[in-house]
């Protein structure tokens, strides 16, 4: 029996997450994360969409993707990406069997009560994943994340990032947008500290 069809419209923005099979740390090595970024680049080039943000962890990943009207669906893009990555990972590691833990999970940004706030918060949620996992103390120090594309004007991400219209509304210049985005980092750090008190 197949999965029910997702209710994601073309042109919508989705926060997507997917875990490795059995929540194993299959992407623990740096070379696995580099492979992830390489294949993500290839898939986005062939199946165009806007990548707003991402982070690659050892046992899972997060993406924020916006599809185009009359373009490929989020489901199609993720199906292709996960299939190509799993096949290449298994080939390189002399491995067989499932790589991913079933379907990806998604949250649609535009249907949230406050989509603008949600998108800004989700960018920091992704950025702080490696901090919560005790891999780094500062999200800026983690290689396999897109947050520095928002914090450093001269940063060149390994996977091209598209600034969402919601982000661009933060200001007319990079500096104005940065100043306002950093407010949400402080809010997120406050939530994180309260959680672990």
N, C-alpha and C. Protein backbone atom coordinates (compact mmCIF):
# COMPACT_ATOMS: atom_id res chain seq x y z
N UNK A 1 0.84 -1.19 0.00
CA UNK A 1 0.00 0.00 0.00
C UNK A 1 0.88 1.25 0.00
N UNK A 2 0.59 2.20 -0.91
CA UNK A 2 1.41 3.40 -1.04
C UNK A 2 1.13 4.41 0.05
N UNK A 3 2.02 5.40 0.15
CA UNK A 3 1.84 6.48 1.11
C UNK A 3 0.76 7.44 0.60
N UNK A 4 0.00 8.09 1.49
CA UNK A 4 -0.96 9.10 1.05
C UNK A 4 -0.24 10.29 0.44
N UNK A 5 -0.90 10.93 -0.52
CA UNK A 5 -0.29 12.07 -1.20
C UNK A 5 -0.11 13.24 -0.24
N UNK A 6 1.02 13.91 -0.33
CA UNK A 6 1.28 15.06 0.53
C UNK A 6 0.50 16.28 0.02
N UNK A 7 0.18 17.17 0.95
CA UNK A 7 -0.59 18.36 0.59
C UNK A 7 0.32 19.57 0.45
N UNK A 8 1.39 19.42 -0.31
CA UNK A 8 2.33 20.52 -0.53
C UNK A 8 2.05 21.11 -1.91
N UNK A 9 1.76 22.39 -1.94
CA UNK A 9 1.50 23.06 -3.21
C UNK A 9 2.80 23.53 -3.84
N UNK A 10 2.79 23.60 -5.16
CA UNK A 10 3.96 24.17 -5.86
C UNK A 10 4.11 25.63 -5.47
N UNK A 11 5.35 26.06 -5.33
CA UNK A 11 5.60 27.44 -4.94
C UNK A 11 5.61 27.65 -3.44
N UNK A 12 5.41 26.58 -2.67
CA UNK A 12 5.45 26.69 -1.21
C UNK A 12 6.85 26.40 -0.67
N UNK A 13 7.07 26.86 0.55
CA UNK A 13 8.34 26.64 1.23
C UNK A 13 8.14 25.58 2.30
N UNK A 14 9.05 24.60 2.34
CA UNK A 14 8.92 23.51 3.31
C UNK A 14 10.20 23.33 4.11
N UNK A 15 10.01 23.10 5.39
CA UNK A 15 11.11 22.64 6.25
C UNK A 15 11.03 21.12 6.24
N UNK A 16 12.09 20.50 5.76
CA UNK A 16 12.12 19.04 5.56
C UNK A 16 13.20 18.43 6.43
N UNK A 17 12.88 17.29 7.01
CA UNK A 17 13.89 16.54 7.74
C UNK A 17 13.73 15.05 7.45
N UNK A 18 14.86 14.35 7.45
CA UNK A 18 14.85 12.91 7.23
C UNK A 18 16.00 12.28 7.99
N UNK A 19 15.75 11.09 8.53
CA UNK A 19 16.75 10.40 9.35
C UNK A 19 17.33 9.19 8.64
N UNK A 20 18.56 8.86 9.02
CA UNK A 20 19.18 7.63 8.53
C UNK A 20 18.43 6.43 9.11
N UNK A 21 18.56 5.31 8.44
CA UNK A 21 17.88 4.08 8.85
C UNK A 21 18.22 3.74 10.30
N UNK A 22 17.17 3.52 11.08
CA UNK A 22 17.37 3.15 12.48
C UNK A 22 18.01 4.24 13.31
N UNK A 23 17.97 5.49 12.81
CA UNK A 23 18.59 6.64 13.48
C UNK A 23 20.09 6.43 13.70
N UNK A 24 20.70 5.63 12.81
CA UNK A 24 22.13 5.38 12.91
C UNK A 24 22.93 6.60 12.44
N UNK A 25 24.18 6.68 12.89
CA UNK A 25 25.06 7.78 12.52
C UNK A 25 25.81 7.44 11.23
N UNK A 26 25.06 7.27 10.15
CA UNK A 26 25.65 6.82 8.89
C UNK A 26 26.40 7.93 8.16
N UNK A 27 26.14 9.19 8.53
CA UNK A 27 26.84 10.30 7.88
C UNK A 27 27.82 10.98 8.84
N UNK A 28 28.40 10.17 9.71
CA UNK A 28 29.27 10.72 10.76
C UNK A 28 30.57 11.31 10.22
N UNK A 29 31.12 10.69 9.19
CA UNK A 29 32.40 11.14 8.66
C UNK A 29 32.23 12.37 7.75
N UNK A 30 33.27 13.19 7.73
CA UNK A 30 33.23 14.40 6.91
C UNK A 30 33.01 14.06 5.44
N UNK A 31 33.61 12.99 4.96
CA UNK A 31 33.47 12.63 3.54
C UNK A 31 32.01 12.32 3.18
N UNK A 32 31.24 11.83 4.15
CA UNK A 32 29.83 11.54 3.89
C UNK A 32 29.03 12.83 3.76
N UNK A 33 29.37 13.81 4.57
CA UNK A 33 28.68 15.10 4.49
C UNK A 33 29.07 15.84 3.21
N UNK A 34 30.31 15.69 2.79
CA UNK A 34 30.75 16.29 1.52
C UNK A 34 29.99 15.65 0.36
N UNK A 35 29.82 14.34 0.42
CA UNK A 35 29.04 13.63 -0.60
C UNK A 35 27.60 14.13 -0.61
N UNK A 36 27.03 14.33 0.57
CA UNK A 36 25.67 14.85 0.69
C UNK A 36 25.55 16.18 -0.06
N UNK A 37 26.48 17.09 0.22
CA UNK A 37 26.42 18.41 -0.43
C UNK A 37 26.61 18.30 -1.94
N UNK A 38 27.49 17.42 -2.36
CA UNK A 38 27.75 17.24 -3.79
C UNK A 38 26.49 16.77 -4.52
N UNK A 39 25.82 15.78 -3.94
CA UNK A 39 24.63 15.23 -4.60
C UNK A 39 23.46 16.21 -4.51
N UNK A 40 23.36 16.91 -3.39
CA UNK A 40 22.32 17.94 -3.28
C UNK A 40 22.50 18.99 -4.38
N UNK A 41 23.72 19.40 -4.62
CA UNK A 41 24.03 20.34 -5.70
C UNK A 41 23.55 19.80 -7.05
N UNK A 42 23.88 18.55 -7.32
CA UNK A 42 23.53 17.93 -8.60
C UNK A 42 22.02 17.85 -8.79
N UNK A 43 21.32 17.46 -7.73
CA UNK A 43 19.87 17.29 -7.83
C UNK A 43 19.17 18.64 -8.01
N UNK A 44 19.62 19.66 -7.27
CA UNK A 44 19.00 20.98 -7.40
C UNK A 44 19.25 21.57 -8.79
N UNK A 45 20.41 21.26 -9.35
CA UNK A 45 20.71 21.74 -10.70
C UNK A 45 19.80 21.07 -11.73
N UNK A 46 19.52 19.79 -11.55
CA UNK A 46 18.69 19.05 -12.51
C UNK A 46 17.20 19.25 -12.26
N UNK A 47 16.82 19.41 -10.99
CA UNK A 47 15.42 19.59 -10.61
C UNK A 47 15.32 20.92 -9.85
N UNK A 48 15.30 22.04 -10.57
CA UNK A 48 15.44 23.35 -9.94
C UNK A 48 14.42 23.65 -8.85
N UNK A 49 14.94 24.21 -7.77
CA UNK A 49 14.15 24.70 -6.65
C UNK A 49 15.03 25.69 -5.91
N UNK A 50 14.47 26.37 -4.93
CA UNK A 50 15.25 27.30 -4.13
C UNK A 50 15.62 26.64 -2.81
N UNK A 51 16.90 26.52 -2.55
CA UNK A 51 17.37 26.01 -1.27
C UNK A 51 17.59 27.21 -0.36
N UNK A 52 16.76 27.32 0.66
CA UNK A 52 16.80 28.46 1.58
C UNK A 52 17.80 28.21 2.70
N UNK A 53 17.89 26.97 3.14
CA UNK A 53 18.81 26.62 4.22
C UNK A 53 18.97 25.12 4.34
N UNK A 54 20.06 24.70 4.99
CA UNK A 54 20.28 23.27 5.22
C UNK A 54 21.28 23.06 6.35
N UNK A 55 21.24 21.85 6.90
CA UNK A 55 22.29 21.39 7.81
C UNK A 55 22.36 19.88 7.66
N UNK A 56 23.59 19.36 7.60
CA UNK A 56 23.80 17.91 7.50
C UNK A 56 24.39 17.43 8.82
N UNK A 57 23.68 16.53 9.48
CA UNK A 57 24.14 15.96 10.74
C UNK A 57 24.57 14.51 10.50
N UNK A 58 25.03 13.85 11.55
CA UNK A 58 25.52 12.48 11.39
C UNK A 58 24.40 11.47 11.17
N UNK A 59 23.22 11.75 11.73
CA UNK A 59 22.12 10.79 11.65
C UNK A 59 20.91 11.32 10.88
N UNK A 60 20.94 12.57 10.46
CA UNK A 60 19.79 13.16 9.78
C UNK A 60 20.19 14.45 9.08
N UNK A 61 19.24 15.01 8.35
CA UNK A 61 19.47 16.31 7.72
C UNK A 61 18.21 17.16 7.79
N UNK A 62 18.40 18.45 7.63
CA UNK A 62 17.30 19.41 7.50
C UNK A 62 17.52 20.22 6.24
N UNK A 63 16.46 20.46 5.52
CA UNK A 63 16.49 21.35 4.36
C UNK A 63 15.30 22.30 4.47
N UNK A 64 15.47 23.51 3.97
CA UNK A 64 14.34 24.41 3.75
C UNK A 64 14.34 24.69 2.26
N UNK A 65 13.28 24.25 1.60
CA UNK A 65 13.20 24.30 0.13
C UNK A 65 11.92 25.00 -0.30
N UNK A 66 12.04 25.80 -1.32
CA UNK A 66 10.87 26.39 -1.96
C UNK A 66 10.84 25.93 -3.41
N UNK A 67 9.72 25.33 -3.81
CA UNK A 67 9.59 24.86 -5.19
C UNK A 67 9.04 25.98 -6.08
N UNK A 68 9.08 25.75 -7.38
CA UNK A 68 8.57 26.72 -8.34
C UNK A 68 7.19 26.31 -8.83
N UNK A 69 6.37 27.31 -9.14
CA UNK A 69 5.09 27.03 -9.79
C UNK A 69 5.37 26.27 -11.09
N UNK A 70 4.62 25.22 -11.34
CA UNK A 70 4.76 24.39 -12.54
C UNK A 70 6.13 23.70 -12.62
N UNK A 71 6.84 23.64 -11.50
CA UNK A 71 8.12 22.95 -11.48
C UNK A 71 7.98 21.57 -10.84
N UNK A 72 9.08 21.02 -10.41
CA UNK A 72 9.06 19.71 -9.77
C UNK A 72 8.56 19.84 -8.33
N UNK A 73 7.88 18.81 -7.86
CA UNK A 73 7.33 18.82 -6.50
C UNK A 73 8.44 18.55 -5.48
N UNK A 74 8.18 18.95 -4.25
CA UNK A 74 9.10 18.65 -3.16
C UNK A 74 9.31 17.15 -3.04
N UNK A 75 8.22 16.38 -3.16
CA UNK A 75 8.32 14.92 -3.06
C UNK A 75 9.24 14.34 -4.13
N UNK A 76 9.12 14.85 -5.35
CA UNK A 76 9.95 14.37 -6.45
C UNK A 76 11.42 14.68 -6.19
N UNK A 77 11.70 15.93 -5.80
CA UNK A 77 13.08 16.34 -5.55
C UNK A 77 13.70 15.51 -4.44
N UNK A 78 12.96 15.29 -3.35
CA UNK A 78 13.49 14.52 -2.22
C UNK A 78 13.62 13.04 -2.56
N UNK A 79 12.68 12.53 -3.32
CA UNK A 79 12.76 11.13 -3.74
C UNK A 79 14.03 10.88 -4.54
N UNK A 80 14.30 11.76 -5.50
CA UNK A 80 15.49 11.63 -6.34
C UNK A 80 16.74 11.78 -5.49
N UNK A 81 16.78 12.84 -4.68
CA UNK A 81 17.97 13.09 -3.86
C UNK A 81 18.28 11.92 -2.95
N UNK A 82 17.29 11.46 -2.21
CA UNK A 82 17.53 10.39 -1.23
C UNK A 82 17.94 9.09 -1.93
N UNK A 83 17.35 8.83 -3.08
CA UNK A 83 17.67 7.62 -3.83
C UNK A 83 19.10 7.66 -4.37
N UNK A 84 19.48 8.78 -4.97
CA UNK A 84 20.83 8.92 -5.54
C UNK A 84 21.87 8.87 -4.43
N UNK A 85 21.62 9.58 -3.33
CA UNK A 85 22.58 9.60 -2.23
C UNK A 85 22.76 8.20 -1.64
N UNK A 86 21.65 7.51 -1.38
CA UNK A 86 21.73 6.17 -0.78
C UNK A 86 22.51 5.22 -1.68
N UNK A 87 22.23 5.28 -2.98
CA UNK A 87 22.90 4.39 -3.93
C UNK A 87 24.41 4.67 -3.95
N UNK A 88 24.78 5.95 -4.01
CA UNK A 88 26.20 6.31 -4.08
C UNK A 88 26.91 6.01 -2.76
N UNK A 89 26.24 6.29 -1.65
CA UNK A 89 26.82 5.99 -0.33
C UNK A 89 27.08 4.49 -0.20
N UNK A 90 26.08 3.68 -0.54
CA UNK A 90 26.23 2.23 -0.43
C UNK A 90 27.33 1.71 -1.35
N UNK A 91 27.42 2.28 -2.55
CA UNK A 91 28.46 1.85 -3.49
C UNK A 91 29.85 2.16 -2.93
N UNK A 92 30.03 3.37 -2.42
CA UNK A 92 31.33 3.78 -1.91
C UNK A 92 31.74 3.05 -0.63
N UNK A 93 30.74 2.59 0.12
CA UNK A 93 31.03 1.95 1.41
C UNK A 93 30.79 0.44 1.39
N UNK A 94 30.65 -0.11 0.18
CA UNK A 94 30.45 -1.56 0.02
C UNK A 94 29.33 -2.03 0.94
N UNK A 95 28.21 -1.32 0.87
CA UNK A 95 27.09 -1.54 1.78
C UNK A 95 25.84 -1.82 0.96
N UNK A 96 24.89 -2.55 1.53
CA UNK A 96 23.61 -2.77 0.88
C UNK A 96 22.49 -2.52 1.89
N UNK A 97 21.28 -2.43 1.39
CA UNK A 97 20.14 -2.25 2.29
C UNK A 97 19.69 -0.80 2.39
N UNK A 98 18.67 -0.58 3.20
CA UNK A 98 18.07 0.74 3.35
C UNK A 98 19.05 1.73 3.98
N UNK A 99 19.02 2.93 3.49
CA UNK A 99 19.83 3.99 4.09
C UNK A 99 18.97 4.95 4.90
N UNK A 100 17.77 5.25 4.39
CA UNK A 100 16.91 6.23 5.03
C UNK A 100 15.80 5.57 5.83
N UNK A 101 15.32 6.29 6.81
CA UNK A 101 14.26 5.81 7.70
C UNK A 101 12.89 6.18 7.13
N UNK A 102 12.54 5.62 6.00
CA UNK A 102 11.23 5.88 5.42
C UNK A 102 11.12 7.27 4.81
N UNK A 103 9.91 7.82 4.87
CA UNK A 103 9.63 9.12 4.24
C UNK A 103 10.24 10.28 5.02
N UNK A 104 10.39 11.37 4.31
CA UNK A 104 10.83 12.59 4.98
C UNK A 104 9.63 13.25 5.68
N UNK A 105 9.92 14.06 6.69
CA UNK A 105 8.88 14.84 7.36
C UNK A 105 8.95 16.27 6.83
N UNK A 106 7.80 16.93 6.76
CA UNK A 106 7.80 18.28 6.24
C UNK A 106 6.85 19.18 7.02
N UNK A 107 7.23 20.43 7.11
CA UNK A 107 6.38 21.47 7.71
C UNK A 107 6.31 22.61 6.71
N UNK A 108 5.12 22.98 6.32
CA UNK A 108 4.93 24.04 5.33
C UNK A 108 4.99 25.40 6.00
N UNK A 109 5.86 26.24 5.50
CA UNK A 109 6.09 27.55 6.12
C UNK A 109 4.88 28.46 5.95
N UNK A 110 4.34 28.52 4.73
CA UNK A 110 3.28 29.49 4.43
C UNK A 110 1.99 29.26 5.19
N UNK A 111 1.76 28.05 5.71
CA UNK A 111 0.50 27.78 6.43
C UNK A 111 0.64 27.97 7.94
N UNK A 112 1.83 28.36 8.40
CA UNK A 112 2.01 28.61 9.83
C UNK A 112 1.25 29.87 10.25
N UNK A 113 0.95 29.99 11.53
CA UNK A 113 0.22 31.16 12.03
C UNK A 113 0.98 32.45 11.70
N UNK A 114 2.30 32.41 11.85
CA UNK A 114 3.15 33.57 11.53
C UNK A 114 4.31 33.07 10.68
N UNK A 115 4.11 32.95 9.35
CA UNK A 115 5.15 32.40 8.47
C UNK A 115 6.47 33.16 8.54
N UNK A 116 6.41 34.48 8.69
CA UNK A 116 7.63 35.29 8.71
C UNK A 116 8.48 34.95 9.93
N UNK A 117 7.84 34.87 11.06
CA UNK A 117 8.56 34.52 12.29
C UNK A 117 9.07 33.08 12.21
N UNK A 118 8.24 32.20 11.69
CA UNK A 118 8.60 30.78 11.62
C UNK A 118 9.86 30.59 10.78
N UNK A 119 9.94 31.24 9.62
CA UNK A 119 11.10 31.05 8.75
C UNK A 119 12.38 31.52 9.43
N UNK A 120 12.32 32.67 10.08
CA UNK A 120 13.51 33.19 10.76
C UNK A 120 13.93 32.27 11.92
N UNK A 121 12.95 31.75 12.62
CA UNK A 121 13.26 30.83 13.72
C UNK A 121 13.84 29.51 13.20
N UNK A 122 13.31 29.05 12.08
CA UNK A 122 13.77 27.75 11.56
C UNK A 122 15.20 27.84 11.04
N UNK A 123 15.60 28.99 10.53
CA UNK A 123 17.00 29.16 10.10
C UNK A 123 17.94 28.97 11.28
N UNK A 124 17.56 29.51 12.44
CA UNK A 124 18.39 29.35 13.63
C UNK A 124 18.26 27.96 14.23
N UNK A 125 17.08 27.36 14.11
CA UNK A 125 16.92 25.98 14.58
C UNK A 125 17.88 25.06 13.84
N UNK A 126 17.96 25.20 12.53
CA UNK A 126 18.91 24.41 11.74
C UNK A 126 20.34 24.70 12.17
N UNK A 127 20.65 25.99 12.31
CA UNK A 127 22.02 26.39 12.63
C UNK A 127 22.48 25.84 13.97
N UNK A 128 21.57 25.73 14.93
CA UNK A 128 21.93 25.28 16.28
C UNK A 128 21.89 23.76 16.44
N UNK A 129 21.52 23.03 15.40
CA UNK A 129 21.56 21.56 15.48
C UNK A 129 22.91 21.03 15.95
N UNK A 130 24.02 21.44 15.34
CA UNK A 130 25.33 20.94 15.79
C UNK A 130 25.72 21.44 17.17
N UNK A 131 25.17 22.56 17.61
CA UNK A 131 25.41 23.04 18.97
C UNK A 131 24.69 22.13 19.97
N UNK A 132 23.45 21.81 19.66
CA UNK A 132 22.67 20.92 20.54
C UNK A 132 23.30 19.53 20.60
N UNK A 133 24.00 19.14 19.53
CA UNK A 133 24.66 17.83 19.49
C UNK A 133 26.07 17.88 20.07
N UNK A 134 26.47 19.06 20.61
CA UNK A 134 27.79 19.25 21.23
C UNK A 134 28.95 19.04 20.26
N UNK A 135 28.71 19.36 18.98
CA UNK A 135 29.78 19.27 17.98
C UNK A 135 30.58 20.56 17.90
N UNK A 136 29.90 21.68 18.13
CA UNK A 136 30.53 23.00 18.16
C UNK A 136 29.84 23.83 19.24
N UNK A 137 30.48 24.90 19.64
CA UNK A 137 29.87 25.81 20.61
C UNK A 137 29.13 26.95 19.91
N UNK A 138 29.59 27.26 18.70
CA UNK A 138 29.01 28.36 17.94
C UNK A 138 28.57 27.82 16.57
N UNK A 139 27.33 28.04 16.16
CA UNK A 139 26.87 27.50 14.87
C UNK A 139 27.69 27.96 13.68
N UNK A 140 28.37 29.09 13.82
CA UNK A 140 29.20 29.61 12.73
C UNK A 140 30.41 28.72 12.45
N UNK A 141 30.76 27.86 13.40
CA UNK A 141 31.95 27.01 13.27
C UNK A 141 31.66 25.66 12.63
N UNK A 142 30.40 25.39 12.32
CA UNK A 142 30.04 24.10 11.73
C UNK A 142 30.08 24.20 10.21
N UNK A 143 30.82 23.32 9.58
CA UNK A 143 31.05 23.39 8.13
C UNK A 143 29.80 23.10 7.29
N UNK A 144 28.99 22.16 7.75
CA UNK A 144 27.96 21.61 6.87
C UNK A 144 26.58 22.19 7.17
N UNK A 145 26.54 23.51 7.09
CA UNK A 145 25.34 24.28 7.39
C UNK A 145 25.35 25.52 6.51
N UNK A 146 24.18 26.08 6.29
CA UNK A 146 24.07 27.26 5.42
C UNK A 146 24.06 28.58 6.18
N UNK A 147 24.11 28.57 7.50
CA UNK A 147 23.88 29.79 8.27
C UNK A 147 24.87 30.91 7.92
N UNK A 148 26.12 30.56 7.59
CA UNK A 148 27.09 31.61 7.30
C UNK A 148 26.77 32.39 6.02
N UNK A 149 25.93 31.82 5.16
CA UNK A 149 25.48 32.55 3.98
C UNK A 149 24.62 33.74 4.38
N UNK A 150 24.06 33.69 5.59
CA UNK A 150 23.22 34.77 6.11
C UNK A 150 24.00 35.73 7.01
N UNK A 151 25.18 35.30 7.45
CA UNK A 151 25.92 36.07 8.45
C UNK A 151 27.17 36.75 7.90
N UNK A 152 27.67 36.26 6.78
CA UNK A 152 28.92 36.78 6.21
C UNK A 152 28.69 37.12 4.74
N UNK A 153 28.79 38.38 4.43
CA UNK A 153 28.50 38.87 3.07
C UNK A 153 29.40 38.22 2.03
N UNK A 154 30.60 37.83 2.42
CA UNK A 154 31.58 37.28 1.48
C UNK A 154 31.63 35.75 1.47
N UNK A 155 30.78 35.14 2.27
CA UNK A 155 30.79 33.68 2.36
C UNK A 155 30.22 33.06 1.08
N UNK A 156 30.91 32.04 0.59
CA UNK A 156 30.43 31.33 -0.61
C UNK A 156 30.05 29.90 -0.19
N UNK A 157 28.76 29.62 -0.08
CA UNK A 157 28.35 28.28 0.36
C UNK A 157 28.65 27.22 -0.70
N UNK A 158 28.90 26.01 -0.24
CA UNK A 158 29.20 24.91 -1.17
C UNK A 158 27.95 24.46 -1.93
N UNK A 159 26.79 24.72 -1.35
CA UNK A 159 25.52 24.48 -2.05
C UNK A 159 24.84 25.85 -2.15
N UNK A 160 24.50 26.30 -3.36
CA UNK A 160 23.94 27.65 -3.52
C UNK A 160 22.67 27.88 -2.70
N UNK A 161 22.64 29.00 -2.00
CA UNK A 161 21.51 29.37 -1.16
C UNK A 161 20.75 30.51 -1.83
N UNK A 162 19.42 30.43 -1.81
CA UNK A 162 18.56 31.49 -2.31
C UNK A 162 17.92 32.18 -1.12
N UNK A 163 18.05 33.48 -1.04
CA UNK A 163 17.41 34.22 0.04
C UNK A 163 15.90 34.28 -0.19
N UNK A 164 15.16 33.85 0.79
CA UNK A 164 13.69 33.86 0.71
C UNK A 164 13.18 35.30 0.77
N UNK A 165 12.02 35.53 0.16
CA UNK A 165 11.41 36.87 0.17
C UNK A 165 11.19 37.36 1.60
N UNK A 166 10.85 36.46 2.52
CA UNK A 166 10.65 36.84 3.92
C UNK A 166 11.94 37.38 4.52
N UNK A 167 13.05 36.74 4.22
CA UNK A 167 14.35 37.21 4.72
C UNK A 167 14.69 38.57 4.11
N UNK A 168 14.46 38.72 2.81
CA UNK A 168 14.80 39.96 2.13
C UNK A 168 14.01 41.15 2.66
N UNK A 169 12.83 40.88 3.23
CA UNK A 169 12.01 41.94 3.82
C UNK A 169 12.62 42.52 5.10
N UNK A 170 13.64 41.87 5.65
CA UNK A 170 14.25 42.35 6.89
C UNK A 170 14.99 43.67 6.71
N UNK A 171 15.36 44.00 5.48
CA UNK A 171 16.07 45.27 5.27
C UNK A 171 16.47 45.44 3.83
N UNK A 172 16.93 46.63 3.50
CA UNK A 172 17.33 46.94 2.13
C UNK A 172 18.76 46.55 1.82
N UNK A 173 19.56 46.33 2.86
CA UNK A 173 20.96 45.95 2.67
C UNK A 173 21.27 44.69 3.46
N UNK A 174 22.38 44.06 3.13
CA UNK A 174 22.81 42.86 3.86
C UNK A 174 22.97 43.19 5.34
N UNK A 175 23.56 44.33 5.62
CA UNK A 175 23.83 44.73 7.01
C UNK A 175 22.54 44.92 7.80
N UNK A 176 21.54 45.52 7.18
CA UNK A 176 20.24 45.71 7.86
C UNK A 176 19.59 44.36 8.15
N UNK A 177 19.64 43.48 7.16
CA UNK A 177 19.02 42.16 7.35
C UNK A 177 19.76 41.37 8.41
N UNK A 178 21.09 41.47 8.42
CA UNK A 178 21.89 40.76 9.41
C UNK A 178 21.53 41.22 10.82
N UNK A 179 21.45 42.52 11.02
CA UNK A 179 21.13 43.08 12.34
C UNK A 179 19.81 42.53 12.86
N UNK A 180 18.82 42.45 11.99
CA UNK A 180 17.49 41.97 12.41
C UNK A 180 17.45 40.46 12.57
N UNK A 181 18.22 39.75 11.74
CA UNK A 181 18.26 38.30 11.88
C UNK A 181 18.93 37.88 13.19
N UNK A 182 19.92 38.63 13.61
CA UNK A 182 20.63 38.31 14.84
C UNK A 182 19.73 38.43 16.08
N UNK A 183 18.69 39.23 15.97
CA UNK A 183 17.72 39.31 17.07
C UNK A 183 17.11 37.93 17.32
N UNK A 184 16.86 37.21 16.24
CA UNK A 184 16.25 35.88 16.36
C UNK A 184 17.24 34.85 16.88
N UNK A 185 18.53 35.10 16.66
CA UNK A 185 19.52 34.22 17.28
C UNK A 185 19.48 34.38 18.80
N UNK A 186 19.39 35.60 19.27
CA UNK A 186 19.31 35.85 20.71
C UNK A 186 18.06 35.21 21.31
N UNK A 187 16.96 35.31 20.58
CA UNK A 187 15.70 34.69 21.04
C UNK A 187 15.88 33.18 21.13
N UNK A 188 16.49 32.60 20.07
CA UNK A 188 16.68 31.15 20.06
C UNK A 188 17.61 30.69 21.18
N UNK A 189 18.68 31.42 21.41
CA UNK A 189 19.62 31.06 22.49
C UNK A 189 18.92 31.12 23.85
N UNK A 190 18.03 32.07 24.01
CA UNK A 190 17.26 32.17 25.25
C UNK A 190 16.37 30.97 25.46
N UNK A 191 15.73 30.52 24.39
CA UNK A 191 14.89 29.31 24.46
C UNK A 191 15.74 28.09 24.79
N UNK A 192 16.90 28.01 24.15
CA UNK A 192 17.81 26.87 24.38
C UNK A 192 18.30 26.82 25.81
N UNK A 193 18.67 27.97 26.36
CA UNK A 193 19.15 28.02 27.74
C UNK A 193 18.06 27.62 28.72
N UNK A 194 16.85 28.10 28.48
CA UNK A 194 15.74 27.76 29.37
C UNK A 194 15.42 26.27 29.33
N UNK A 195 15.60 25.67 28.16
CA UNK A 195 15.30 24.26 27.99
C UNK A 195 16.25 23.40 28.82
N UNK A 196 17.52 23.80 28.94
CA UNK A 196 18.52 22.98 29.62
C UNK A 196 18.83 23.46 31.04
N UNK A 197 18.00 24.33 31.61
CA UNK A 197 18.21 24.77 32.99
C UNK A 197 17.85 23.65 33.96
